[in-house]
N, C-alpha and C. Protein backbone atom coordinates (compact mmCIF):
# COMPACT_ATOMS: atom_id res chain seq x y z
N MET A 1 -37.09 -246.84 13.73
CA MET A 1 -37.77 -246.26 12.57
C MET A 1 -38.22 -244.83 12.85
N LYS A 2 -38.74 -244.59 14.08
CA LYS A 2 -39.20 -243.24 14.44
C LYS A 2 -38.05 -242.24 14.43
N LYS A 3 -36.91 -242.66 14.95
CA LYS A 3 -35.74 -241.77 14.95
C LYS A 3 -35.32 -241.43 13.54
N PHE A 4 -35.42 -242.41 12.65
CA PHE A 4 -35.04 -242.20 11.25
C PHE A 4 -35.97 -241.17 10.58
N LEU A 5 -37.28 -241.24 10.91
CA LEU A 5 -38.26 -240.31 10.31
C LEU A 5 -38.17 -238.92 10.93
N LEU A 6 -37.83 -238.83 12.22
CA LEU A 6 -37.75 -237.53 12.90
C LEU A 6 -36.69 -236.64 12.26
N GLY A 7 -35.60 -237.20 11.80
CA GLY A 7 -34.53 -236.40 11.18
C GLY A 7 -35.00 -235.65 9.95
N PRO A 8 -35.56 -236.33 8.92
CA PRO A 8 -36.05 -235.64 7.72
C PRO A 8 -37.23 -234.70 8.00
N VAL A 9 -38.13 -235.12 8.91
CA VAL A 9 -39.28 -234.26 9.26
C VAL A 9 -38.79 -232.98 9.93
N GLY A 10 -37.82 -233.12 10.82
CA GLY A 10 -37.26 -231.94 11.49
C GLY A 10 -36.59 -231.00 10.50
N ILE A 11 -35.87 -231.59 9.55
CA ILE A 11 -35.21 -230.76 8.51
C ILE A 11 -36.27 -230.05 7.67
N LEU A 12 -37.32 -230.79 7.30
CA LEU A 12 -38.39 -230.22 6.49
C LEU A 12 -39.08 -229.07 7.23
N ILE A 13 -39.37 -229.28 8.51
CA ILE A 13 -40.00 -228.22 9.31
C ILE A 13 -39.07 -227.02 9.42
N GLY A 14 -37.79 -227.28 9.61
CA GLY A 14 -36.81 -226.18 9.68
C GLY A 14 -36.77 -225.38 8.39
N LEU A 15 -36.79 -226.10 7.25
CA LEU A 15 -36.78 -225.41 5.95
C LEU A 15 -38.04 -224.56 5.76
N VAL A 16 -39.19 -225.10 6.16
CA VAL A 16 -40.46 -224.36 6.05
C VAL A 16 -40.41 -223.10 6.91
N VAL A 17 -39.89 -223.21 8.13
CA VAL A 17 -39.78 -222.05 9.02
C VAL A 17 -38.85 -221.00 8.42
N VAL A 18 -37.69 -221.43 7.91
CA VAL A 18 -36.74 -220.49 7.31
C VAL A 18 -37.36 -219.82 6.09
N LEU A 19 -38.03 -220.61 5.24
CA LEU A 19 -38.68 -220.05 4.06
C LEU A 19 -39.76 -219.04 4.46
N GLY A 20 -40.55 -219.39 5.48
CA GLY A 20 -41.60 -218.48 5.95
C GLY A 20 -41.03 -217.17 6.48
N LEU A 21 -39.95 -217.27 7.25
CA LEU A 21 -39.30 -216.05 7.77
C LEU A 21 -38.74 -215.20 6.64
N TRP A 22 -38.17 -215.88 5.63
CA TRP A 22 -37.62 -215.12 4.51
C TRP A 22 -38.72 -214.40 3.73
N VAL A 23 -39.85 -215.11 3.47
CA VAL A 23 -40.98 -214.49 2.75
C VAL A 23 -41.52 -213.31 3.55
N MET A 24 -41.66 -213.48 4.86
CA MET A 24 -42.16 -212.40 5.72
C MET A 24 -41.22 -211.20 5.68
N SER A 25 -39.92 -211.45 5.74
CA SER A 25 -38.94 -210.37 5.71
C SER A 25 -38.96 -209.64 4.37
N ALA A 26 -39.02 -210.39 3.27
CA ALA A 26 -39.06 -209.77 1.94
C ALA A 26 -40.33 -208.95 1.77
N TYR A 27 -41.47 -209.49 2.21
CA TYR A 27 -42.74 -208.78 2.10
C TYR A 27 -42.72 -207.50 2.93
N ASN A 28 -42.26 -207.60 4.17
CA ASN A 28 -42.19 -206.42 5.04
C ASN A 28 -41.26 -205.36 4.47
N GLY A 29 -40.17 -205.79 3.83
CA GLY A 29 -39.26 -204.83 3.19
C GLY A 29 -39.95 -204.10 2.06
N LEU A 30 -40.73 -204.83 1.24
CA LEU A 30 -41.48 -204.20 0.15
C LEU A 30 -42.50 -203.21 0.70
N VAL A 31 -43.21 -203.62 1.74
CA VAL A 31 -44.24 -202.75 2.33
C VAL A 31 -43.60 -201.46 2.85
N SER A 32 -42.48 -201.59 3.54
CA SER A 32 -41.80 -200.42 4.10
C SER A 32 -41.36 -199.45 3.01
N LEU A 33 -40.73 -199.97 1.95
CA LEU A 33 -40.26 -199.11 0.86
C LEU A 33 -41.42 -198.54 0.06
N ASP A 34 -42.50 -199.32 -0.08
CA ASP A 34 -43.69 -198.84 -0.79
C ASP A 34 -44.31 -197.68 -0.03
N GLN A 35 -44.43 -197.81 1.29
CA GLN A 35 -45.00 -196.74 2.10
C GLN A 35 -44.15 -195.48 2.07
N LYS A 36 -42.84 -195.66 2.03
CA LYS A 36 -41.95 -194.50 1.93
C LYS A 36 -42.16 -193.78 0.60
N ALA A 37 -42.28 -194.54 -0.48
CA ALA A 37 -42.51 -193.94 -1.80
C ALA A 37 -43.86 -193.25 -1.85
N LEU A 38 -44.90 -193.87 -1.26
CA LEU A 38 -46.22 -193.25 -1.25
C LEU A 38 -46.24 -191.98 -0.42
N SER A 39 -45.52 -191.99 0.69
CA SER A 39 -45.41 -190.79 1.52
C SER A 39 -44.73 -189.67 0.74
N GLN A 40 -43.70 -190.01 0.01
CA GLN A 40 -42.99 -189.01 -0.79
C GLN A 40 -43.86 -188.53 -1.94
N TRP A 41 -44.67 -189.42 -2.49
CA TRP A 41 -45.60 -189.02 -3.55
C TRP A 41 -46.59 -187.98 -3.02
N ALA A 42 -47.05 -188.18 -1.79
CA ALA A 42 -47.97 -187.21 -1.18
C ALA A 42 -47.30 -185.84 -1.08
N GLN A 43 -46.01 -185.82 -0.76
CA GLN A 43 -45.28 -184.54 -0.70
C GLN A 43 -45.21 -183.89 -2.07
N VAL A 44 -45.00 -184.69 -3.11
CA VAL A 44 -44.97 -184.16 -4.49
C VAL A 44 -46.32 -183.50 -4.80
N GLU A 45 -47.40 -184.21 -4.48
CA GLU A 45 -48.73 -183.65 -4.75
C GLU A 45 -48.98 -182.38 -3.94
N ASN A 46 -48.47 -182.33 -2.71
CA ASN A 46 -48.64 -181.13 -1.88
C ASN A 46 -48.02 -179.90 -2.53
N VAL A 47 -46.79 -180.05 -3.02
CA VAL A 47 -46.14 -178.86 -3.60
C VAL A 47 -46.75 -178.49 -4.94
N TYR A 48 -47.20 -179.49 -5.70
CA TYR A 48 -47.90 -179.16 -6.95
C TYR A 48 -49.21 -178.45 -6.65
N GLN A 49 -49.91 -178.86 -5.59
CA GLN A 49 -51.15 -178.20 -5.21
C GLN A 49 -50.89 -176.77 -4.78
N ARG A 50 -49.79 -176.57 -4.06
CA ARG A 50 -49.42 -175.21 -3.64
C ARG A 50 -49.23 -174.32 -4.87
N ARG A 51 -48.56 -174.85 -5.89
CA ARG A 51 -48.35 -174.07 -7.10
C ARG A 51 -49.69 -173.78 -7.78
N ALA A 52 -50.55 -174.78 -7.88
CA ALA A 52 -51.85 -174.59 -8.53
C ALA A 52 -52.67 -173.53 -7.79
N ASP A 53 -52.53 -173.49 -6.46
CA ASP A 53 -53.27 -172.50 -5.67
C ASP A 53 -52.74 -171.08 -5.89
N LEU A 54 -51.46 -170.95 -6.23
CA LEU A 54 -50.88 -169.63 -6.48
C LEU A 54 -51.28 -169.06 -7.84
N VAL A 55 -51.58 -169.95 -8.79
CA VAL A 55 -51.82 -169.52 -10.18
C VAL A 55 -52.94 -168.48 -10.31
N PRO A 56 -54.13 -168.69 -9.72
CA PRO A 56 -55.19 -167.68 -9.91
C PRO A 56 -54.79 -166.29 -9.42
N ASN A 57 -54.13 -166.21 -8.26
CA ASN A 57 -53.70 -164.91 -7.75
C ASN A 57 -52.67 -164.26 -8.68
N LEU A 58 -51.76 -165.08 -9.18
CA LEU A 58 -50.74 -164.56 -10.10
C LEU A 58 -51.37 -164.04 -11.38
N VAL A 59 -52.30 -164.80 -11.94
CA VAL A 59 -52.97 -164.39 -13.17
C VAL A 59 -53.76 -163.11 -12.95
N GLU A 60 -54.50 -163.02 -11.85
CA GLU A 60 -55.29 -161.82 -11.57
C GLU A 60 -54.40 -160.59 -11.39
N THR A 61 -53.27 -160.77 -10.74
CA THR A 61 -52.35 -159.65 -10.54
C THR A 61 -51.79 -159.17 -11.87
N VAL A 62 -51.42 -160.10 -12.73
CA VAL A 62 -50.85 -159.72 -14.04
C VAL A 62 -51.93 -159.16 -14.95
N LYS A 63 -53.15 -159.70 -14.86
CA LYS A 63 -54.25 -159.24 -15.72
C LYS A 63 -54.48 -157.74 -15.59
N GLY A 64 -54.36 -157.23 -14.37
CA GLY A 64 -54.61 -155.82 -14.15
C GLY A 64 -53.69 -154.92 -14.96
N ALA A 65 -52.45 -155.32 -15.17
CA ALA A 65 -51.50 -154.49 -15.89
C ALA A 65 -51.37 -154.87 -17.35
N ALA A 66 -51.75 -156.10 -17.69
CA ALA A 66 -51.57 -156.58 -19.07
C ALA A 66 -52.87 -157.17 -19.57
N ALA A 67 -53.89 -156.35 -19.62
CA ALA A 67 -55.24 -156.83 -19.92
C ALA A 67 -55.36 -157.44 -21.31
N PHE A 68 -54.50 -157.04 -22.24
CA PHE A 68 -54.68 -157.52 -23.61
C PHE A 68 -53.88 -158.80 -23.92
N GLU A 69 -53.24 -159.37 -22.93
CA GLU A 69 -52.46 -160.61 -23.12
C GLU A 69 -53.36 -161.82 -22.89
N LYS A 70 -54.53 -161.84 -23.54
CA LYS A 70 -55.54 -162.86 -23.26
C LYS A 70 -55.07 -164.27 -23.60
N ASP A 71 -54.31 -164.44 -24.67
CA ASP A 71 -53.85 -165.78 -25.06
C ASP A 71 -53.03 -166.42 -23.95
N THR A 72 -52.18 -165.63 -23.33
CA THR A 72 -51.32 -166.15 -22.26
C THR A 72 -52.16 -166.55 -21.06
N PHE A 73 -53.12 -165.70 -20.68
CA PHE A 73 -53.97 -166.01 -19.53
C PHE A 73 -54.80 -167.27 -19.79
N THR A 74 -55.30 -167.38 -21.01
CA THR A 74 -56.09 -168.56 -21.38
C THR A 74 -55.25 -169.82 -21.29
N ALA A 75 -54.01 -169.74 -21.78
CA ALA A 75 -53.11 -170.90 -21.75
C ALA A 75 -52.83 -171.34 -20.31
N VAL A 76 -52.60 -170.38 -19.42
CA VAL A 76 -52.32 -170.70 -18.02
C VAL A 76 -53.56 -171.32 -17.37
N THR A 77 -54.72 -170.74 -17.61
CA THR A 77 -55.96 -171.24 -17.02
C THR A 77 -56.27 -172.66 -17.50
N GLU A 78 -56.10 -172.88 -18.82
CA GLU A 78 -56.36 -174.22 -19.37
C GLU A 78 -55.37 -175.25 -18.82
N ALA A 79 -54.10 -174.85 -18.71
CA ALA A 79 -53.08 -175.77 -18.18
C ALA A 79 -53.39 -176.14 -16.73
N ARG A 80 -53.84 -175.15 -15.96
CA ARG A 80 -54.20 -175.42 -14.56
C ARG A 80 -55.40 -176.36 -14.48
N ALA A 81 -56.37 -176.17 -15.38
CA ALA A 81 -57.55 -177.04 -15.40
C ALA A 81 -57.14 -178.48 -15.74
N LYS A 82 -56.22 -178.65 -16.67
CA LYS A 82 -55.76 -180.00 -17.04
C LYS A 82 -55.08 -180.69 -15.87
N VAL A 83 -54.33 -179.90 -15.10
CA VAL A 83 -53.66 -180.46 -13.92
C VAL A 83 -54.70 -181.04 -12.96
N GLY A 84 -55.80 -180.32 -12.75
CA GLY A 84 -56.85 -180.79 -11.86
C GLY A 84 -57.55 -182.04 -12.37
N GLN A 85 -57.63 -182.19 -13.69
CA GLN A 85 -58.33 -183.33 -14.28
C GLN A 85 -57.55 -184.63 -14.19
N VAL A 86 -56.21 -184.55 -14.20
CA VAL A 86 -55.41 -185.79 -14.24
C VAL A 86 -54.75 -186.12 -12.92
N SER A 87 -55.08 -185.40 -11.87
CA SER A 87 -54.48 -185.70 -10.57
C SER A 87 -54.73 -187.15 -10.18
N LEU A 88 -53.70 -187.82 -9.67
CA LEU A 88 -53.83 -189.22 -9.26
C LEU A 88 -54.55 -189.34 -7.92
N GLY A 89 -54.65 -188.24 -7.20
CA GLY A 89 -55.35 -188.28 -5.92
C GLY A 89 -54.41 -188.62 -4.78
N GLY A 90 -54.67 -188.03 -3.63
CA GLY A 90 -53.83 -188.26 -2.46
C GLY A 90 -53.82 -189.74 -2.06
N GLY A 91 -52.63 -190.25 -1.81
CA GLY A 91 -52.49 -191.63 -1.38
C GLY A 91 -52.55 -192.64 -2.51
N ALA A 92 -52.79 -192.18 -3.76
CA ALA A 92 -52.83 -193.11 -4.88
C ALA A 92 -51.45 -193.68 -5.13
N ASN A 93 -51.43 -194.92 -5.60
CA ASN A 93 -50.16 -195.56 -5.90
C ASN A 93 -49.72 -195.14 -7.30
N PRO A 94 -48.66 -194.35 -7.42
CA PRO A 94 -48.24 -193.87 -8.74
C PRO A 94 -47.76 -194.99 -9.65
N ALA A 95 -47.48 -196.15 -9.09
CA ALA A 95 -47.05 -197.28 -9.92
C ALA A 95 -48.23 -198.06 -10.48
N ALA A 96 -49.40 -197.88 -9.88
CA ALA A 96 -50.55 -198.68 -10.27
C ALA A 96 -50.99 -198.39 -11.70
N ASN A 97 -50.73 -197.19 -12.18
CA ASN A 97 -51.13 -196.84 -13.54
C ASN A 97 -50.07 -195.94 -14.17
N PRO A 98 -49.07 -196.54 -14.82
CA PRO A 98 -47.99 -195.74 -15.42
C PRO A 98 -48.49 -194.73 -16.45
N GLU A 99 -49.59 -195.05 -17.15
CA GLU A 99 -50.14 -194.10 -18.13
C GLU A 99 -50.69 -192.86 -17.43
N ALA A 100 -51.38 -193.06 -16.31
CA ALA A 100 -51.90 -191.92 -15.55
C ALA A 100 -50.75 -191.09 -14.98
N PHE A 101 -49.68 -191.77 -14.54
CA PHE A 101 -48.50 -191.07 -14.03
C PHE A 101 -47.90 -190.19 -15.13
N ALA A 102 -47.79 -190.73 -16.35
CA ALA A 102 -47.23 -189.97 -17.49
C ALA A 102 -48.13 -188.77 -17.82
N LYS A 103 -49.46 -188.98 -17.77
CA LYS A 103 -50.38 -187.87 -18.03
C LYS A 103 -50.26 -186.80 -16.96
N PHE A 104 -50.10 -187.24 -15.71
CA PHE A 104 -49.93 -186.30 -14.60
C PHE A 104 -48.70 -185.44 -14.83
N GLN A 105 -47.58 -186.09 -15.18
CA GLN A 105 -46.35 -185.33 -15.41
C GLN A 105 -46.50 -184.40 -16.62
N GLN A 106 -47.16 -184.88 -17.67
CA GLN A 106 -47.35 -184.06 -18.87
C GLN A 106 -48.18 -182.82 -18.54
N ALA A 107 -49.23 -182.99 -17.74
CA ALA A 107 -50.08 -181.85 -17.37
C ALA A 107 -49.29 -180.85 -16.53
N GLN A 108 -48.48 -181.36 -15.58
CA GLN A 108 -47.68 -180.45 -14.75
C GLN A 108 -46.63 -179.71 -15.60
N ASP A 109 -46.03 -180.42 -16.56
CA ASP A 109 -45.07 -179.77 -17.46
C ASP A 109 -45.75 -178.69 -18.30
N GLY A 110 -47.01 -178.97 -18.70
CA GLY A 110 -47.77 -177.98 -19.46
C GLY A 110 -48.01 -176.72 -18.65
N LEU A 111 -48.32 -176.89 -17.36
CA LEU A 111 -48.53 -175.73 -16.49
C LEU A 111 -47.22 -174.97 -16.29
N SER A 112 -46.12 -175.70 -16.17
CA SER A 112 -44.81 -175.04 -16.04
C SER A 112 -44.51 -174.18 -17.26
N SER A 113 -44.79 -174.71 -18.44
CA SER A 113 -44.54 -173.96 -19.69
C SER A 113 -45.44 -172.72 -19.75
N ALA A 114 -46.71 -172.89 -19.39
CA ALA A 114 -47.64 -171.75 -19.43
C ALA A 114 -47.21 -170.67 -18.44
N LEU A 115 -46.76 -171.06 -17.25
CA LEU A 115 -46.29 -170.08 -16.27
C LEU A 115 -45.03 -169.38 -16.76
N SER A 116 -44.17 -170.10 -17.45
CA SER A 116 -42.97 -169.48 -18.01
C SER A 116 -43.35 -168.40 -19.03
N ARG A 117 -44.35 -168.72 -19.87
CA ARG A 117 -44.81 -167.72 -20.85
C ARG A 117 -45.42 -166.51 -20.15
N LEU A 118 -46.14 -166.76 -19.06
CA LEU A 118 -46.73 -165.65 -18.30
C LEU A 118 -45.64 -164.74 -17.74
N LEU A 119 -44.58 -165.33 -17.22
CA LEU A 119 -43.50 -164.53 -16.65
C LEU A 119 -42.72 -163.77 -17.73
N VAL A 120 -42.70 -164.32 -18.95
CA VAL A 120 -42.09 -163.58 -20.08
C VAL A 120 -42.93 -162.36 -20.40
N VAL A 121 -44.25 -162.51 -20.35
CA VAL A 121 -45.15 -161.37 -20.59
C VAL A 121 -44.89 -160.27 -19.57
N VAL A 122 -44.66 -160.67 -18.33
CA VAL A 122 -44.43 -159.71 -17.24
C VAL A 122 -43.22 -158.82 -17.52
N GLU A 123 -42.23 -159.37 -18.22
CA GLU A 123 -41.02 -158.60 -18.53
C GLU A 123 -41.35 -157.33 -19.33
N LYS A 124 -42.46 -157.34 -20.04
CA LYS A 124 -42.85 -156.17 -20.85
C LYS A 124 -43.44 -155.05 -19.98
N TYR A 125 -43.72 -155.36 -18.71
CA TYR A 125 -44.42 -154.41 -17.85
C TYR A 125 -43.63 -154.14 -16.57
N PRO A 126 -42.63 -153.25 -16.66
CA PRO A 126 -41.80 -152.97 -15.48
C PRO A 126 -42.61 -152.46 -14.28
N GLU A 127 -43.70 -151.74 -14.55
CA GLU A 127 -44.51 -151.21 -13.45
C GLU A 127 -45.17 -152.35 -12.67
N LEU A 128 -45.48 -153.46 -13.36
CA LEU A 128 -46.07 -154.61 -12.69
C LEU A 128 -45.02 -155.29 -11.81
N LYS A 129 -43.82 -155.42 -12.32
CA LYS A 129 -42.75 -156.07 -11.56
C LYS A 129 -42.41 -155.27 -10.30
N ALA A 130 -42.74 -153.99 -10.32
CA ALA A 130 -42.41 -153.13 -9.18
C ALA A 130 -43.43 -153.23 -8.05
N THR A 131 -44.62 -153.82 -8.33
CA THR A 131 -45.64 -153.89 -7.29
C THR A 131 -45.29 -154.96 -6.25
N GLN A 132 -45.60 -154.67 -5.00
CA GLN A 132 -45.27 -155.58 -3.90
C GLN A 132 -46.04 -156.90 -4.02
N ASN A 133 -47.30 -156.80 -4.42
CA ASN A 133 -48.13 -157.99 -4.54
C ASN A 133 -47.53 -158.97 -5.54
N PHE A 134 -47.12 -158.46 -6.71
CA PHE A 134 -46.54 -159.34 -7.71
C PHE A 134 -45.21 -159.92 -7.23
N ARG A 135 -44.40 -159.08 -6.61
CA ARG A 135 -43.10 -159.57 -6.12
C ARG A 135 -43.28 -160.68 -5.10
N ASP A 136 -44.27 -160.52 -4.21
CA ASP A 136 -44.54 -161.56 -3.21
C ASP A 136 -44.97 -162.87 -3.88
N LEU A 137 -45.87 -162.74 -4.86
CA LEU A 137 -46.34 -163.93 -5.57
C LEU A 137 -45.19 -164.60 -6.34
N GLN A 138 -44.34 -163.79 -6.94
CA GLN A 138 -43.22 -164.34 -7.70
C GLN A 138 -42.25 -165.10 -6.78
N VAL A 139 -41.99 -164.53 -5.60
CA VAL A 139 -41.11 -165.20 -4.64
C VAL A 139 -41.73 -166.53 -4.21
N GLN A 140 -43.05 -166.52 -3.93
CA GLN A 140 -43.72 -167.75 -3.53
C GLN A 140 -43.68 -168.80 -4.65
N LEU A 141 -43.87 -168.34 -5.89
CA LEU A 141 -43.84 -169.26 -7.02
C LEU A 141 -42.45 -169.87 -7.21
N GLU A 142 -41.43 -169.02 -7.12
CA GLU A 142 -40.05 -169.52 -7.25
C GLU A 142 -39.73 -170.51 -6.14
N SER A 143 -40.16 -170.20 -4.93
CA SER A 143 -39.93 -171.09 -3.80
C SER A 143 -40.64 -172.43 -4.02
N THR A 144 -41.86 -172.36 -4.54
CA THR A 144 -42.62 -173.57 -4.80
C THR A 144 -41.98 -174.41 -5.89
N GLU A 145 -41.50 -173.75 -6.95
CA GLU A 145 -40.82 -174.49 -8.03
C GLU A 145 -39.58 -175.21 -7.49
N ASN A 146 -38.86 -174.55 -6.58
CA ASN A 146 -37.70 -175.21 -5.97
C ASN A 146 -38.12 -176.42 -5.15
N ARG A 147 -39.23 -176.26 -4.40
CA ARG A 147 -39.73 -177.38 -3.61
C ARG A 147 -40.16 -178.54 -4.50
N ILE A 148 -40.79 -178.21 -5.62
CA ILE A 148 -41.22 -179.25 -6.56
C ILE A 148 -40.00 -180.05 -7.04
N THR A 149 -38.94 -179.35 -7.39
CA THR A 149 -37.73 -180.03 -7.85
C THR A 149 -37.18 -180.96 -6.78
N VAL A 150 -37.13 -180.48 -5.53
CA VAL A 150 -36.61 -181.28 -4.43
C VAL A 150 -37.50 -182.49 -4.16
N GLU A 151 -38.82 -182.28 -4.12
CA GLU A 151 -39.73 -183.39 -3.81
C GLU A 151 -39.76 -184.42 -4.92
N ARG A 152 -39.66 -183.98 -6.17
CA ARG A 152 -39.58 -184.94 -7.28
C ARG A 152 -38.31 -185.78 -7.17
N MET A 153 -37.21 -185.14 -6.82
CA MET A 153 -35.95 -185.86 -6.66
C MET A 153 -36.07 -186.89 -5.53
N ARG A 154 -36.68 -186.47 -4.42
CA ARG A 154 -36.85 -187.40 -3.29
C ARG A 154 -37.77 -188.55 -3.65
N PHE A 155 -38.81 -188.26 -4.42
CA PHE A 155 -39.70 -189.35 -4.86
C PHE A 155 -38.92 -190.32 -5.75
N ASN A 156 -38.13 -189.80 -6.68
CA ASN A 156 -37.34 -190.67 -7.54
C ASN A 156 -36.40 -191.55 -6.73
N GLU A 157 -35.81 -190.99 -5.67
CA GLU A 157 -34.92 -191.77 -4.81
C GLU A 157 -35.70 -192.88 -4.09
N ALA A 158 -36.90 -192.55 -3.59
CA ALA A 158 -37.73 -193.55 -2.91
C ALA A 158 -38.18 -194.62 -3.90
N ALA A 159 -38.54 -194.20 -5.12
CA ALA A 159 -38.96 -195.15 -6.15
C ALA A 159 -37.80 -196.06 -6.54
N GLN A 160 -36.60 -195.49 -6.63
CA GLN A 160 -35.43 -196.30 -6.99
C GLN A 160 -35.13 -197.34 -5.91
N ALA A 161 -35.22 -196.95 -4.64
CA ALA A 161 -34.99 -197.89 -3.54
C ALA A 161 -36.01 -199.03 -3.60
N PHE A 162 -37.27 -198.68 -3.85
CA PHE A 162 -38.32 -199.70 -3.96
C PHE A 162 -38.06 -200.61 -5.15
N ASN A 163 -37.81 -200.00 -6.32
CA ASN A 163 -37.61 -200.79 -7.54
C ASN A 163 -36.41 -201.72 -7.41
N THR A 164 -35.34 -201.24 -6.79
CA THR A 164 -34.14 -202.07 -6.61
C THR A 164 -34.46 -203.29 -5.75
N LYS A 165 -35.16 -203.05 -4.63
CA LYS A 165 -35.54 -204.16 -3.74
C LYS A 165 -36.48 -205.12 -4.46
N ARG A 166 -37.44 -204.55 -5.19
CA ARG A 166 -38.45 -205.36 -5.87
C ARG A 166 -37.84 -206.25 -6.94
N MET A 167 -36.87 -205.75 -7.67
CA MET A 167 -36.32 -206.48 -8.81
C MET A 167 -35.23 -207.48 -8.42
N ARG A 168 -34.78 -207.43 -7.18
CA ARG A 168 -33.75 -208.39 -6.75
C ARG A 168 -34.36 -209.78 -6.57
N PHE A 169 -33.59 -210.76 -7.00
CA PHE A 169 -34.01 -212.14 -6.79
C PHE A 169 -33.67 -212.53 -5.36
N PRO A 170 -34.50 -213.21 -4.69
CA PRO A 170 -35.79 -213.81 -5.08
C PRO A 170 -37.01 -212.96 -4.70
N THR A 171 -36.79 -211.69 -4.23
CA THR A 171 -37.93 -210.83 -3.86
C THR A 171 -38.86 -210.61 -5.05
N VAL A 172 -38.31 -210.59 -6.25
CA VAL A 172 -39.12 -210.38 -7.45
C VAL A 172 -40.22 -211.44 -7.57
N ILE A 173 -39.96 -212.64 -7.09
CA ILE A 173 -40.97 -213.71 -7.15
C ILE A 173 -42.17 -213.34 -6.27
N ILE A 174 -41.89 -212.86 -5.07
CA ILE A 174 -42.97 -212.46 -4.16
C ILE A 174 -43.74 -211.27 -4.74
N ALA A 175 -43.00 -210.28 -5.25
CA ALA A 175 -43.64 -209.08 -5.81
C ALA A 175 -44.55 -209.45 -6.98
N ASN A 176 -44.09 -210.33 -7.85
CA ASN A 176 -44.92 -210.76 -8.98
C ASN A 176 -46.15 -211.53 -8.51
N PHE A 177 -45.99 -212.31 -7.48
CA PHE A 177 -47.10 -213.08 -6.93
C PHE A 177 -48.17 -212.16 -6.34
N LEU A 178 -47.75 -211.00 -5.82
CA LEU A 178 -48.69 -210.07 -5.17
C LEU A 178 -49.45 -209.20 -6.16
N GLY A 179 -49.11 -209.25 -7.44
CA GLY A 179 -49.86 -208.52 -8.48
C GLY A 179 -49.42 -207.08 -8.63
N THR A 180 -50.37 -206.23 -9.04
CA THR A 180 -50.04 -204.85 -9.41
C THR A 180 -49.70 -203.95 -8.23
N ARG A 181 -50.06 -204.35 -7.04
CA ARG A 181 -49.79 -203.48 -5.88
C ARG A 181 -48.31 -203.17 -5.74
N TYR A 182 -47.48 -204.14 -6.05
CA TYR A 182 -46.04 -203.94 -5.88
C TYR A 182 -45.29 -203.99 -7.20
N GLN A 183 -45.90 -203.41 -8.24
CA GLN A 183 -45.18 -203.33 -9.50
C GLN A 183 -44.20 -202.17 -9.45
N GLU A 184 -43.30 -202.11 -10.43
CA GLU A 184 -42.27 -201.07 -10.44
C GLU A 184 -42.91 -199.69 -10.43
N LYS A 185 -42.24 -198.75 -9.77
CA LYS A 185 -42.73 -197.37 -9.71
C LYS A 185 -42.09 -196.56 -10.83
N ALA A 186 -42.88 -195.64 -11.38
CA ALA A 186 -42.37 -194.77 -12.44
C ALA A 186 -41.52 -193.66 -11.83
N TYR A 187 -40.68 -193.07 -12.67
CA TYR A 187 -39.82 -191.96 -12.25
C TYR A 187 -40.27 -190.68 -12.93
N PHE A 188 -40.08 -189.56 -12.22
CA PHE A 188 -40.23 -188.27 -12.88
C PHE A 188 -39.05 -188.10 -13.83
N LYS A 189 -39.33 -187.55 -15.01
CA LYS A 189 -38.28 -187.32 -16.00
C LYS A 189 -38.24 -185.83 -16.31
N ALA A 190 -37.13 -185.42 -16.92
CA ALA A 190 -37.00 -184.01 -17.31
C ALA A 190 -38.05 -183.68 -18.36
N GLN A 191 -38.46 -182.44 -18.37
CA GLN A 191 -39.45 -181.98 -19.34
C GLN A 191 -38.90 -182.15 -20.75
N ALA A 192 -39.75 -182.50 -21.69
CA ALA A 192 -39.32 -182.70 -23.08
C ALA A 192 -38.63 -181.43 -23.59
N GLY A 193 -37.46 -181.61 -24.19
CA GLY A 193 -36.70 -180.48 -24.72
C GLY A 193 -35.76 -179.86 -23.72
N ALA A 194 -35.75 -180.39 -22.48
CA ALA A 194 -34.89 -179.81 -21.44
C ALA A 194 -33.42 -179.99 -21.75
N GLU A 195 -33.10 -180.99 -22.61
CA GLU A 195 -31.69 -181.22 -22.93
C GLU A 195 -31.14 -180.19 -23.90
N THR A 196 -32.03 -179.42 -24.55
CA THR A 196 -31.60 -178.41 -25.51
C THR A 196 -31.43 -177.07 -24.81
N ALA A 197 -30.27 -176.47 -24.96
CA ALA A 197 -30.02 -175.16 -24.34
C ALA A 197 -30.89 -174.11 -24.99
N PRO A 198 -31.46 -173.18 -24.22
CA PRO A 198 -32.30 -172.13 -24.82
C PRO A 198 -31.47 -171.18 -25.66
N LYS A 199 -32.10 -170.69 -26.73
CA LYS A 199 -31.39 -169.72 -27.58
C LYS A 199 -31.58 -168.33 -27.01
N VAL A 200 -30.49 -167.61 -26.90
CA VAL A 200 -30.52 -166.25 -26.38
C VAL A 200 -30.23 -165.30 -27.53
N GLN A 201 -31.16 -164.40 -27.77
CA GLN A 201 -30.99 -163.45 -28.87
C GLN A 201 -31.04 -162.02 -28.33
N PHE A 202 -30.15 -161.21 -28.81
CA PHE A 202 -30.12 -159.80 -28.41
C PHE A 202 -30.42 -158.92 -29.60
């Protein structure tokens, strides 16, 4: 009788061990991909912060030559202030609040638009474009915009890897059991209207 019972008990214990190892492996995979996405999110915030830090110097430099362009300066200053208000904070999980993530992207897009308008104003002032200080700031801003594009792309790649792992069966069961910590991550999207080619008029 004991030999008969040892067979099913051994199988049951084996199944429990295999199931436990599988759950541990799936969980560790989620943790690893989540940490990679969070690390990449921190890089996104770093480059956005770099841009925000450049804005006051850029505005002050342009103000000296274009003192009467107050609407543009106000728009840039307000857009920068909005960016500071909706920041998710370093180390925050961008998936934890998709609405906050959307507001963050909207605020950053608003600052991008305001900076574009500022640079259009600069075109009216060739003497400003000739100054070394402005040229240095413009190069730094262009470099930062390029970094933002790269870091957003890398974040989207990390988010996609996480989301793919999370949504695969049976890992999705574990992710759902763990609650909001491991919910799907949002992606950065193109700025509204980016699909429309700009009109060029001469």
